[in-house]
Protein backbone atom coordinates (compact mmCIF):
# COMPACT_ATOMS: atom_id res chain seq x y z
CA MET A 1 2.19 15.98 -3.47
CA SER A 2 -0.68 16.45 -5.87
CA ASP A 3 -3.81 14.36 -5.93
CA ARG A 4 -3.93 11.64 -8.54
CA THR A 5 -5.64 8.40 -9.37
CA LEU A 6 -3.93 5.21 -10.41
CA SER A 7 -4.49 4.41 -14.05
CA SER A 8 -5.08 0.72 -13.33
CA LEU A 9 -7.76 1.42 -10.74
CA ASP A 10 -11.14 3.13 -10.83
CA THR A 11 -10.43 5.27 -7.76
CA GLN A 12 -11.80 8.77 -8.16
CA VAL A 13 -10.73 11.94 -6.39
CA ILE A 14 -13.41 14.46 -5.47
CA LYS A 15 -12.39 17.91 -4.19
CA ILE A 16 -14.61 19.53 -1.57
CA GLY A 17 -12.99 22.84 -0.71
CA ASP A 18 -9.47 21.95 0.45
CA LEU A 19 -10.46 18.34 1.20
CA SER A 20 -9.67 15.58 -1.29
CA VAL A 21 -11.95 12.55 -0.98
CA ARG A 22 -10.88 9.29 -2.60
CA VAL A 23 -13.71 7.02 -3.76
CA ALA A 24 -13.00 3.41 -4.73
CA ALA A 25 -15.14 0.46 -5.75
CA ASP A 26 -14.10 -1.57 -2.71
CA ALA A 27 -11.77 -1.62 0.28
CA MET A 28 -9.00 -3.54 -1.52
CA GLU A 29 -8.89 -1.04 -4.39
CA LEU A 30 -8.68 1.85 -1.93
CA THR A 31 -5.95 0.04 0.01
CA GLN A 32 -3.90 -0.42 -3.18
CA ASP A 33 -4.39 3.21 -4.17
CA VAL A 34 -3.43 4.65 -0.80
CA THR A 35 -0.49 2.25 -0.43
CA THR A 36 0.93 3.46 -3.73
CA LEU A 37 0.39 7.10 -2.72
CA ALA A 38 2.20 6.54 0.58
CA GLN A 39 5.06 4.66 -1.05
CA ASP A 40 5.46 7.37 -3.70
CA TYR A 41 5.52 10.07 -1.03
CA LEU A 42 8.05 8.23 1.13
CA GLN A 43 10.21 7.56 -1.94
CA SER A 44 10.19 11.26 -2.82
CA LEU A 45 11.36 12.05 0.72
CA LEU A 46 14.14 9.46 0.47
CA GLU A 47 15.37 11.14 -2.69
CA GLN A 48 15.81 14.36 -0.70
CA GLN A 49 17.19 12.97 2.55
CA GLU A 50 18.95 9.86 3.83
CA THR A 51 16.27 8.55 6.21
CA VAL A 52 12.56 8.89 6.78
CA ARG A 53 10.80 7.95 9.98
CA ILE A 54 7.09 7.30 10.13
CA ILE A 55 4.66 6.34 12.85
CA LEU A 56 1.64 4.33 11.76
CA ALA A 57 -1.13 4.16 14.32
CA THR A 58 -4.13 2.29 13.08
CA GLY A 59 -7.10 0.13 13.91
CA ASN A 60 -8.30 -3.15 12.46
CA SER A 61 -9.82 -1.48 9.39
CA GLN A 62 -6.37 -0.37 8.20
CA LEU A 63 -4.45 -3.62 8.73
CA ASP A 64 -4.53 -4.43 5.01
CA PHE A 65 -2.84 -1.07 4.35
CA LEU A 66 -0.10 -1.80 6.91
CA THR A 67 0.49 -5.23 5.39
CA ALA A 68 0.60 -3.83 1.85
CA ILE A 69 3.01 -1.02 2.69
CA ALA A 70 5.25 -3.34 4.70
CA GLN A 71 5.40 -5.89 1.87
CA GLY A 72 5.77 -3.28 -0.87
CA ASN A 73 9.56 -3.29 -0.82
CA LEU A 74 9.41 -0.40 -3.31
CA LEU A 75 11.36 2.09 -1.24
CA VAL A 76 14.93 2.48 -2.45
CA VAL A 77 17.60 4.74 -1.01
């Protein structure tokens, strides 16, 4: 999956060697950006196979991401 930014957000992607660093104005913007990236990736997998299993291990700083991805309801088989 290639790096991209969301047109509605000001998130920027900076490449440092092989590392892509995403820079957003605030935590909520970054959460929205990464949630969309994750949902797009999972959707692309579901187009290739019947099921996708993921394990999300996180701390308090990523709870907004877990909530956003769980409420996204964008994944369609």
